[in-house]
C-alpha cells in the first residue's frame, strides 16, 4: 500500500502574517526548532519563508530584519501537496523544484508541512537522511 502525505506530515502549521517582520519569523522558527514558516493571510497560503531566505535575501543584502516584511522575501506561490497525495509525488515535487519542505493544503486551508526527512523516514527508516532528520535539533 502506498503511503500518503497525511501519514507522515507534521500537522502543526507555523505561520506568520505577510506584514510580520523577519525578526518575528526568526523567533518563531527558533522557538519551534524549525527552518521555515508559512506566510498566510486569513488562512490563505501566500508563501514560504525559510531561514535561508532570511539570510540570503535580506541579511546578506544589508536589509534590516526588524523592518523588512516576511512577504517581501518569502517564496511566493509555493509548490504544495494535498494530504491524500502519495509520498512519491511529494518526493518528485521536492526533487523537481529543489525544495526540502512542501506545504500541505486541503482546499484553501493549510493543514501541515511535509519535509524531505519525513519522506526519507517513511521510505527508508534506516537511511542516513532518516537518522539525521530524526535527531533532535542542536544549538540554541
C-alpha atoms as a PDB file:
ATOM      1  CA  UNK A   1       0.000   0.000   0.000  1.00  0.00           C
ATOM      2  CA  UNK A   2       1.292   3.433  -0.922  1.00  0.00           C
ATOM      3  CA  UNK A   3       1.823   5.812   1.959  1.00  0.00           C
ATOM      4  CA  UNK A   4       0.102   9.148   1.828  1.00  0.00           C
ATOM      5  CA  UNK A   5       1.371  12.582   2.762  1.00  0.00           C
ATOM      6  CA  UNK A   6      -1.098  12.676   5.667  1.00  0.00           C
ATOM      7  CA  UNK A   7       0.634   9.617   7.172  1.00  0.00           C
ATOM      8  CA  UNK A   8       3.968  11.393   7.652  1.00  0.00           C
ATOM      9  CA  UNK A   9       3.347  15.156   7.551  1.00  0.00           C
ATOM     10  CA  UNK A  10       3.689  17.456  10.520  1.00  0.00           C
ATOM     11  CA  UNK A  11       0.110  18.565  11.137  1.00  0.00           C
ATOM     12  CA  UNK A  12       1.021  21.717  13.026  1.00  0.00           C
ATOM     13  CA  UNK A  13       1.420  24.772  10.845  1.00  0.00           C
ATOM     14  CA  UNK A  14       3.742  27.575  11.909  1.00  0.00           C
ATOM     15  CA  UNK A  15       2.537  30.671  10.095  1.00  0.00           C
ATOM     16  CA  UNK A  16       3.138  34.403  10.132  1.00  0.00           C
ATOM     17  CA  UNK A  17       1.231  37.328   8.660  1.00  0.00           C
ATOM     18  CA  UNK A  18       2.669  38.799   5.453  1.00  0.00           C
ATOM     19  CA  UNK A  19       3.493  42.055   7.262  1.00  0.00           C
ATOM     20  CA  UNK A  20       5.315  40.325  10.151  1.00  0.00           C
ATOM     21  CA  UNK A  21       8.976  41.264  10.434  1.00  0.00           C
ATOM     22  CA  UNK A  22      11.760  38.829   9.644  1.00  0.00           C
ATOM     23  CA  UNK A  23      12.778  39.034  13.299  1.00  0.00           C
ATOM     24  CA  UNK A  24       9.316  37.835  14.332  1.00  0.00           C
ATOM     25  CA  UNK A  25       9.550  34.920  11.895  1.00  0.00           C
ATOM     26  CA  UNK A  26      13.073  34.020  13.022  1.00  0.00           C
ATOM     27  CA  UNK A  27      11.997  33.994  16.665  1.00  0.00           C
ATOM     28  CA  UNK A  28       9.095  31.676  15.814  1.00  0.00           C
ATOM     29  CA  UNK A  29      11.490  29.373  13.956  1.00  0.00           C
ATOM     30  CA  UNK A  30      13.839  29.336  16.940  1.00  0.00           C
ATOM     31  CA  UNK A  31      11.046  28.721  19.449  1.00  0.00           C
ATOM     32  CA  UNK A  32       9.679  25.799  17.431  1.00  0.00           C
ATOM     33  CA  UNK A  33      13.081  24.477  16.264  1.00  0.00           C
ATOM     34  CA  UNK A  34      12.043  24.670  12.610  1.00  0.00           C
ATOM     35  CA  UNK A  35      13.628  26.056   9.464  1.00  0.00           C
ATOM     36  CA  UNK A  36      10.630  27.596   7.783  1.00  0.00           C
ATOM     37  CA  UNK A  37       7.264  29.229   8.350  1.00  0.00           C
ATOM     38  CA  UNK A  38       4.285  29.652   6.096  1.00  0.00           C
ATOM     39  CA  UNK A  39       3.263  33.183   5.189  1.00  0.00           C
ATOM     40  CA  UNK A  40      -0.519  33.450   5.239  1.00  0.00           C
ATOM     41  CA  UNK A  41      -3.335  35.972   5.358  1.00  0.00           C
ATOM     42  CA  UNK A  42      -6.734  34.944   6.708  1.00  0.00           C
ATOM     43  CA  UNK A  43      -5.761  31.278   6.444  1.00  0.00           C
ATOM     44  CA  UNK A  44      -4.745  31.548   2.787  1.00  0.00           C
ATOM     45  CA  UNK A  45      -1.183  30.488   1.962  1.00  0.00           C
ATOM     46  CA  UNK A  46       0.832  33.237   0.268  1.00  0.00           C
ATOM     47  CA  UNK A  47       4.350  31.884   0.524  1.00  0.00           C
ATOM     48  CA  UNK A  48       7.032  30.003   2.399  1.00  0.00           C
ATOM     49  CA  UNK A  49       9.810  31.748   4.321  1.00  0.00           C
ATOM     50  CA  UNK A  50      12.920  29.770   5.215  1.00  0.00           C
ATOM     51  CA  UNK A  51      15.840  30.617   7.437  1.00  0.00           C
ATOM     52  CA  UNK A  52      17.900  30.605   4.240  1.00  0.00           C
ATOM     53  CA  UNK A  53      15.574  33.206   2.678  1.00  0.00           C
ATOM     54  CA  UNK A  54      16.142  35.478   5.669  1.00  0.00           C
ATOM     55  CA  UNK A  55      19.899  35.042   5.407  1.00  0.00           C
ATOM     56  CA  UNK A  56      20.350  35.348   1.649  1.00  0.00           C
ATOM     57  CA  UNK A  57      17.520  37.650   0.592  1.00  0.00           C
ATOM     58  CA  UNK A  58      17.641  40.060   3.497  1.00  0.00           C
ATOM     59  CA  UNK A  59      20.641  39.952   5.829  1.00  0.00           C
ATOM     60  CA  UNK A  60      23.232  39.350   3.079  1.00  0.00           C
ATOM     61  CA  UNK A  61      21.717  42.271   1.156  1.00  0.00           C
ATOM     62  CA  UNK A  62      22.072  44.556   4.171  1.00  0.00           C
ATOM     63  CA  UNK A  63      18.325  44.848   4.764  1.00  0.00           C
ATOM     64  CA  UNK A  64      17.057  45.467   8.291  1.00  0.00           C
ATOM     65  CA  UNK A  65      15.288  42.320   9.527  1.00  0.00           C
ATOM     66  CA  UNK A  66      13.320  44.427  12.001  1.00  0.00           C
ATOM     67  CA  UNK A  67      11.653  46.464   9.265  1.00  0.00           C
ATOM     68  CA  UNK A  68      11.535  44.019   6.340  1.00  0.00           C
ATOM     69  CA  UNK A  69       8.294  42.058   5.954  1.00  0.00           C
ATOM     70  CA  UNK A  70       8.105  38.320   5.566  1.00  0.00           C
ATOM     71  CA  UNK A  71       6.141  38.644   2.350  1.00  0.00           C
ATOM     72  CA  UNK A  72       8.889  40.710   0.738  1.00  0.00           C
ATOM     73  CA  UNK A  73      11.476  37.906   0.938  1.00  0.00           C
ATOM     74  CA  UNK A  74       9.417  34.698   1.038  1.00  0.00           C
ATOM     75  CA  UNK A  75       8.987  32.366  -1.897  1.00  0.00           C
ATOM     76  CA  UNK A  76       5.526  33.233  -3.226  1.00  0.00           C
ATOM     77  CA  UNK A  77       3.036  30.691  -4.572  1.00  0.00           C
ATOM     78  CA  UNK A  78       4.912  27.662  -3.260  1.00  0.00           C
ATOM     79  CA  UNK A  79       4.536  24.189  -4.682  1.00  0.00           C
ATOM     80  CA  UNK A  80       2.093  22.291  -2.452  1.00  0.00           C
ATOM     81  CA  UNK A  81       0.725  18.810  -1.946  1.00  0.00           C
ATOM     82  CA  UNK A  82      -2.579  17.549  -0.588  1.00  0.00           C
ATOM     83  CA  UNK A  83      -2.934  15.165   2.353  1.00  0.00           C
ATOM     84  CA  UNK A  84      -4.090  12.291   0.134  1.00  0.00           C
ATOM     85  CA  UNK A  85      -1.219  12.630  -2.366  1.00  0.00           C
ATOM     86  CA  UNK A  86       1.214   9.742  -2.258  1.00  0.00           C
ATOM     87  CA  UNK A  87       4.728  10.226  -0.918  1.00  0.00           C
ATOM     88  CA  UNK A  88       6.244   9.513  -4.322  1.00  0.00           C
ATOM     89  CA  UNK A  89       4.540  12.647  -5.651  1.00  0.00           C
ATOM     90  CA  UNK A  90       5.862  14.700  -2.741  1.00  0.00           C
ATOM     91  CA  UNK A  91       9.388  13.372  -3.305  1.00  0.00           C
ATOM     92  CA  UNK A  92       9.163  14.061  -7.041  1.00  0.00           C
ATOM     93  CA  UNK A  93       7.999  17.644  -6.457  1.00  0.00           C
ATOM     94  CA  UNK A  94      10.787  18.260  -3.937  1.00  0.00           C
ATOM     95  CA  UNK A  95      13.340  16.996  -6.443  1.00  0.00           C
ATOM     96  CA  UNK A  96      11.882  18.921  -9.416  1.00  0.00           C
ATOM     97  CA  UNK A  97      11.657  22.197  -7.505  1.00  0.00           C
ATOM     98  CA  UNK A  98      14.771  21.731  -5.335  1.00  0.00           C
ATOM     99  CA  UNK A  99      12.902  22.267  -2.061  1.00  0.00           C
ATOM    100  CA  UNK A 100      13.114  20.423   1.244  1.00  0.00           C
ATOM    101  CA  UNK A 101       9.610  21.126   2.509  1.00  0.00           C
ATOM    102  CA  UNK A 102       6.166  21.335   0.983  1.00  0.00           C
ATOM    103  CA  UNK A 103       3.085  22.926   2.492  1.00  0.00           C
ATOM    104  CA  UNK A 104       0.167  20.526   2.717  1.00  0.00           C
ATOM    105  CA  UNK A 105      -3.114  22.153   1.742  1.00  0.00           C
ATOM    106  CA  UNK A 106      -6.679  20.963   1.623  1.00  0.00           C
ATOM    107  CA  UNK A 107      -8.973  23.276  -0.293  1.00  0.00           C
ATOM    108  CA  UNK A 108      -7.761  26.741   0.668  1.00  0.00           C
ATOM    109  CA  UNK A 109      -6.639  25.649   4.141  1.00  0.00           C
ATOM    110  CA  UNK A 110      -3.141  24.832   5.302  1.00  0.00           C
ATOM    111  CA  UNK A 111      -3.128  21.525   7.169  1.00  0.00           C
ATOM    112  CA  UNK A 112       0.562  20.711   7.570  1.00  0.00           C
ATOM    113  CA  UNK A 113       4.055  20.523   6.162  1.00  0.00           C
ATOM    114  CA  UNK A 114       5.898  17.522   4.755  1.00  0.00           C
ATOM    115  CA  UNK A 115       9.688  17.549   4.708  1.00  0.00           C
ATOM    116  CA  UNK A 116      12.326  15.594   2.876  1.00  0.00           C
ATOM    117  CA  UNK A 117      13.123  14.000   6.245  1.00  0.00           C
ATOM    118  CA  UNK A 118       9.513  12.860   6.644  1.00  0.00           C
ATOM    119  CA  UNK A 119       9.687  11.196   3.240  1.00  0.00           C
ATOM    120  CA  UNK A 120      13.086   9.625   3.969  1.00  0.00           C
ATOM    121  CA  UNK A 121      11.933   8.176   7.296  1.00  0.00           C
ATOM    122  CA  UNK A 122       8.829   6.706   5.629  1.00  0.00           C
ATOM    123  CA  UNK A 123      10.630   5.227   2.626  1.00  0.00           C
ATOM    124  CA  UNK A 124      13.844   4.030   4.296  1.00  0.00           C
ATOM    125  CA  UNK A 125      13.916   4.408   8.083  1.00  0.00           C
ATOM    126  CA  UNK A 126      17.493   3.106   8.228  1.00  0.00           C
ATOM    127  CA  UNK A 127      18.928   5.674   5.787  1.00  0.00           C
ATOM    128  CA  UNK A 128      21.415   8.309   6.878  1.00  0.00           C
ATOM    129  CA  UNK A 129      18.944  11.063   5.943  1.00  0.00           C
ATOM    130  CA  UNK A 130      16.264   9.471   8.115  1.00  0.00           C
ATOM    131  CA  UNK A 131      18.717   9.297  11.036  1.00  0.00           C
ATOM    132  CA  UNK A 132      19.764  12.913  10.616  1.00  0.00           C
ATOM    133  CA  UNK A 133      16.190  14.118  10.172  1.00  0.00           C
ATOM    134  CA  UNK A 134      15.023  12.256  13.248  1.00  0.00           C
ATOM    135  CA  UNK A 135      17.738  13.671  15.511  1.00  0.00           C
ATOM    136  CA  UNK A 136      16.756  16.427  17.921  1.00  0.00           C
ATOM    137  CA  UNK A 137      17.926  19.915  16.915  1.00  0.00           C
ATOM    138  CA  UNK A 138      21.175  21.103  18.415  1.00  0.00           C
ATOM    139  CA  UNK A 139      22.272  24.557  19.384  1.00  0.00           C
ATOM    140  CA  UNK A 140      20.123  27.157  20.829  1.00  0.00           C
END
